[in-house]
Amino acid sequence: MKVVAIVGSIRKDSYNLKLAQYIQKRYQERFELEILNIRELPFYDQDIENNPPEVVINFKNKVKNADAVLWVTPEYNGTVPGVLVNVIDWLSRVDKVMIGKPSWIMGASMGNLGTVKAQMHLRDILFSPGISSPLLPGNEVYVGAVHTKLDEAGNMTDESTVQFIDSVVDNFIKWYNHINR
């Protein structure tokens, strides 16, 4: 299975990027995960949506050709970051490459609640008509106090978090295989 990860942060030392990299490394035998770069995407502009820059075309093609999307989002001001909304705007227009593409969500923050509010909003957005992405139900991954759970090399050091993520990855693979029979 080929999965693309869309990380809703462009910060070089983003904890959410580190979480995506951890997933990429830990489960490399289970699926191929490519972490997409959102930094280069221009602001969505309806004036150019039918003839977008090459970077947008390439980004949308990677999403289109993937079997699934892993969304990894921080929480800014109680919701998803603007850079992530920009990605969604591009993906939801013209060829609408997300329609029917399975998704799952994770998020990490230094706060105790992880990214609860952002993930609730992202779930709503993923059900919108331009996206219409089936979403793994009941497997929310909120990695709170992430700065205490990742070491300098990006390894998850909290065993209960590792076990939980292991179970969610198992659940996602089973769910994906079930809906794609």
Protein backbone atom coordinates (compact mmCIF):
# COMPACT_ATOMS: atom_id res chain seq x y z
CA MET A 1 0.00 0.00 0.00
CA LYS A 2 1.26 3.49 -0.89
CA VAL A 3 0.33 6.21 1.59
CA VAL A 4 1.15 9.90 1.40
CA ALA A 5 1.43 11.94 4.58
CA ILE A 6 0.34 15.55 4.58
CA VAL A 7 1.79 17.35 7.59
CA GLY A 8 0.04 20.58 8.48
CA SER A 9 3.19 22.36 9.58
CA ILE A 10 6.09 23.85 7.67
CA ARG A 11 8.30 24.35 10.74
CA LYS A 12 11.67 22.65 10.29
CA ASP A 13 11.55 20.98 13.72
CA SER A 14 7.81 20.32 13.70
CA TYR A 15 6.69 17.64 16.14
CA ASN A 16 4.05 16.61 13.63
CA LEU A 17 6.71 16.12 10.97
CA LYS A 18 8.69 14.05 13.49
CA LEU A 19 5.56 11.97 14.15
CA ALA A 20 5.11 11.38 10.40
CA GLN A 21 8.80 10.42 10.10
CA TYR A 22 8.40 8.03 13.02
CA ILE A 23 5.41 6.39 11.29
CA GLN A 24 7.38 6.22 8.03
CA LYS A 25 10.32 4.47 9.69
CA ARG A 26 8.49 2.18 12.13
CA TYR A 27 5.99 0.78 9.63
CA GLN A 28 8.14 0.67 6.48
CA GLU A 29 7.57 -3.07 6.21
CA ARG A 30 3.79 -2.60 6.33
CA PHE A 31 3.31 0.21 3.80
CA GLU A 32 5.24 2.80 1.82
CA LEU A 33 4.86 6.30 3.27
CA GLU A 34 5.93 9.41 1.40
CA ILE A 35 5.82 12.66 3.36
CA LEU A 36 4.76 15.39 0.96
CA ASN A 37 6.26 18.87 1.05
CA ILE A 38 3.58 21.53 1.41
CA ARG A 39 6.00 24.42 1.85
CA GLU A 40 6.30 25.10 -1.90
CA LEU A 41 2.56 25.18 -2.64
CA PRO A 42 1.36 28.67 -3.53
CA PHE A 43 -1.75 30.10 -1.95
CA TYR A 44 -4.84 28.64 -3.57
CA ASP A 45 -6.11 31.04 -6.24
CA GLN A 46 -9.26 30.38 -8.24
CA ASP A 47 -7.84 32.50 -11.07
CA ILE A 48 -5.20 29.82 -11.75
CA GLU A 49 -6.94 26.64 -10.57
CA ASN A 50 -7.49 25.39 -14.14
CA ASN A 51 -3.87 26.03 -15.08
CA PRO A 52 -1.95 25.71 -11.80
CA PRO A 53 1.82 25.85 -11.35
CA GLU A 54 3.78 22.63 -11.87
CA VAL A 55 4.31 22.23 -8.11
CA VAL A 56 0.53 22.00 -7.60
CA ILE A 57 0.12 19.53 -10.47
CA ASN A 58 2.89 17.31 -9.07
CA PHE A 59 1.49 17.49 -5.54
CA LYS A 60 -2.03 16.59 -6.67
CA ASN A 61 -0.68 13.72 -8.78
CA LYS A 62 1.12 12.25 -5.77
CA VAL A 63 -2.11 12.35 -3.79
CA LYS A 64 -4.10 10.96 -6.71
CA ASN A 65 -1.68 8.05 -7.18
CA ALA A 66 -1.56 7.15 -3.49
CA ASP A 67 -3.81 4.49 -2.00
CA ALA A 68 -4.48 6.55 1.13
CA VAL A 69 -3.63 9.80 2.92
CA LEU A 70 -2.32 10.20 6.45
CA TRP A 71 -3.09 13.68 7.74
CA VAL A 72 -0.78 14.79 10.57
CA THR A 73 -1.92 18.08 12.01
CA PRO A 74 -0.86 20.46 14.72
CA GLU A 75 -3.48 22.68 16.33
CA TYR A 76 -3.30 26.43 15.92
CA ASN A 77 -5.87 28.58 17.70
CA GLY A 78 -8.13 25.60 18.27
CA THR A 79 -8.26 24.50 14.64
CA VAL A 80 -6.23 23.30 11.66
CA PRO A 81 -3.35 25.50 10.47
CA GLY A 82 -3.83 27.79 7.48
CA VAL A 83 -1.14 25.96 5.50
CA LEU A 84 -3.19 22.76 5.80
CA VAL A 85 -6.36 24.53 4.70
CA ASN A 86 -4.42 25.78 1.66
CA VAL A 87 -3.52 22.17 0.76
CA ILE A 88 -7.14 21.11 1.13
CA ASP A 89 -8.30 23.99 -1.06
CA TRP A 90 -6.00 22.83 -3.87
CA LEU A 91 -7.02 19.18 -3.47
CA SER A 92 -10.75 19.99 -3.44
CA ARG A 93 -10.87 21.89 -6.71
CA VAL A 94 -11.04 20.97 -10.41
CA ASP A 95 -10.01 17.27 -10.53
CA LYS A 96 -10.85 16.73 -6.81
CA VAL A 97 -8.25 14.00 -6.27
CA MET A 98 -9.37 13.21 -2.70
CA ILE A 99 -12.88 12.01 -3.49
CA GLY A 100 -13.15 8.42 -2.32
CA LYS A 101 -9.53 8.27 -1.13
CA PRO A 102 -9.23 6.70 2.35
CA SER A 103 -7.78 8.92 5.09
CA TRP A 104 -6.65 8.71 8.67
CA ILE A 105 -5.58 11.43 11.07
CA MET A 106 -2.93 11.91 13.74
CA GLY A 107 -1.61 14.92 15.55
CA ALA A 108 0.89 15.92 18.19
CA SER A 109 1.32 18.88 20.48
CA MET A 110 3.18 19.88 23.59
CA GLY A 111 -0.16 20.32 25.38
CA ASN A 112 -1.88 17.46 27.17
CA LEU A 113 -4.85 17.22 24.77
CA GLY A 114 -2.83 16.70 21.63
CA THR A 115 -4.72 18.13 18.69
CA VAL A 116 -8.30 17.24 19.64
CA LYS A 117 -10.01 20.38 18.31
CA ALA A 118 -7.99 20.51 15.08
CA GLN A 119 -8.75 16.86 14.35
CA MET A 120 -12.48 17.39 14.94
CA HIS A 121 -12.45 20.24 12.44
CA LEU A 122 -10.33 18.27 9.98
CA ARG A 123 -12.81 15.37 10.14
CA ASP A 124 -15.62 17.74 9.20
CA ILE A 125 -13.57 19.17 6.34
CA LEU A 126 -12.68 15.73 4.97
CA PHE A 127 -16.40 14.96 4.63
CA SER A 128 -17.07 18.12 2.58
CA PRO A 129 -18.24 17.63 -1.03
CA GLY A 130 -14.94 18.60 -2.70
CA ILE A 131 -12.98 16.14 -0.55
CA SER A 132 -15.43 13.31 0.36
CA SER A 133 -12.71 11.14 1.85
CA PRO A 134 -13.70 7.98 3.75
CA LEU A 135 -12.12 8.27 7.18
CA LEU A 136 -10.91 5.57 9.54
CA PRO A 137 -13.52 5.69 12.32
CA GLY A 138 -12.83 5.54 16.04
CA ASN A 139 -9.03 5.58 15.96
CA GLU A 140 -8.08 9.08 17.00
CA VAL A 141 -4.36 9.58 17.64
CA TYR A 142 -3.74 12.60 19.86
CA VAL A 143 -0.12 12.60 21.00
CA GLY A 144 -0.11 15.06 23.90
CA ALA A 145 3.08 16.18 25.63
CA VAL A 146 4.92 14.97 22.54
CA HIS A 147 8.13 16.71 23.60
CA THR A 148 8.40 14.16 26.44
CA LYS A 149 7.68 11.16 24.18
CA LEU A 150 10.14 11.60 21.32
CA ASP A 151 13.90 11.39 21.73
CA GLU A 152 16.47 13.42 19.76
CA ALA A 153 16.56 10.77 17.01
CA GLY A 154 12.78 10.95 16.55
CA ASN A 155 12.03 7.64 18.27
CA MET A 156 8.85 7.34 20.30
CA THR A 157 9.97 6.54 23.84
CA ASP A 158 6.58 6.27 25.55
CA GLU A 159 5.64 2.58 25.35
CA SER A 160 1.89 3.10 25.80
CA THR A 161 1.89 5.59 22.90
CA VAL A 162 3.88 3.14 20.75
CA GLN A 163 1.42 0.33 21.52
CA PHE A 164 -1.55 2.56 20.79
CA ILE A 165 -0.15 3.74 17.46
CA ASP A 166 0.66 0.10 16.61
CA SER A 167 -3.01 -0.79 17.17
CA VAL A 168 -4.23 2.16 15.09
CA VAL A 169 -1.90 1.20 12.22
CA ASP A 170 -3.25 -2.37 12.39
CA ASN A 171 -6.81 -1.04 12.42
CA PHE A 172 -6.14 1.23 9.45
CA ILE A 173 -4.66 -1.58 7.35
CA LYS A 174 -7.59 -3.89 8.18
CA TRP A 175 -10.11 -1.14 7.44
CA TYR A 176 -8.38 -0.18 4.20
CA ASN A 177 -8.35 -3.82 3.03
CA HIS A 178 -12.02 -4.21 4.01
CA ILE A 179 -13.24 -1.16 2.09
CA ASN A 180 -11.14 -2.07 -0.97
CA ARG A 181 -12.34 -5.64 -1.44
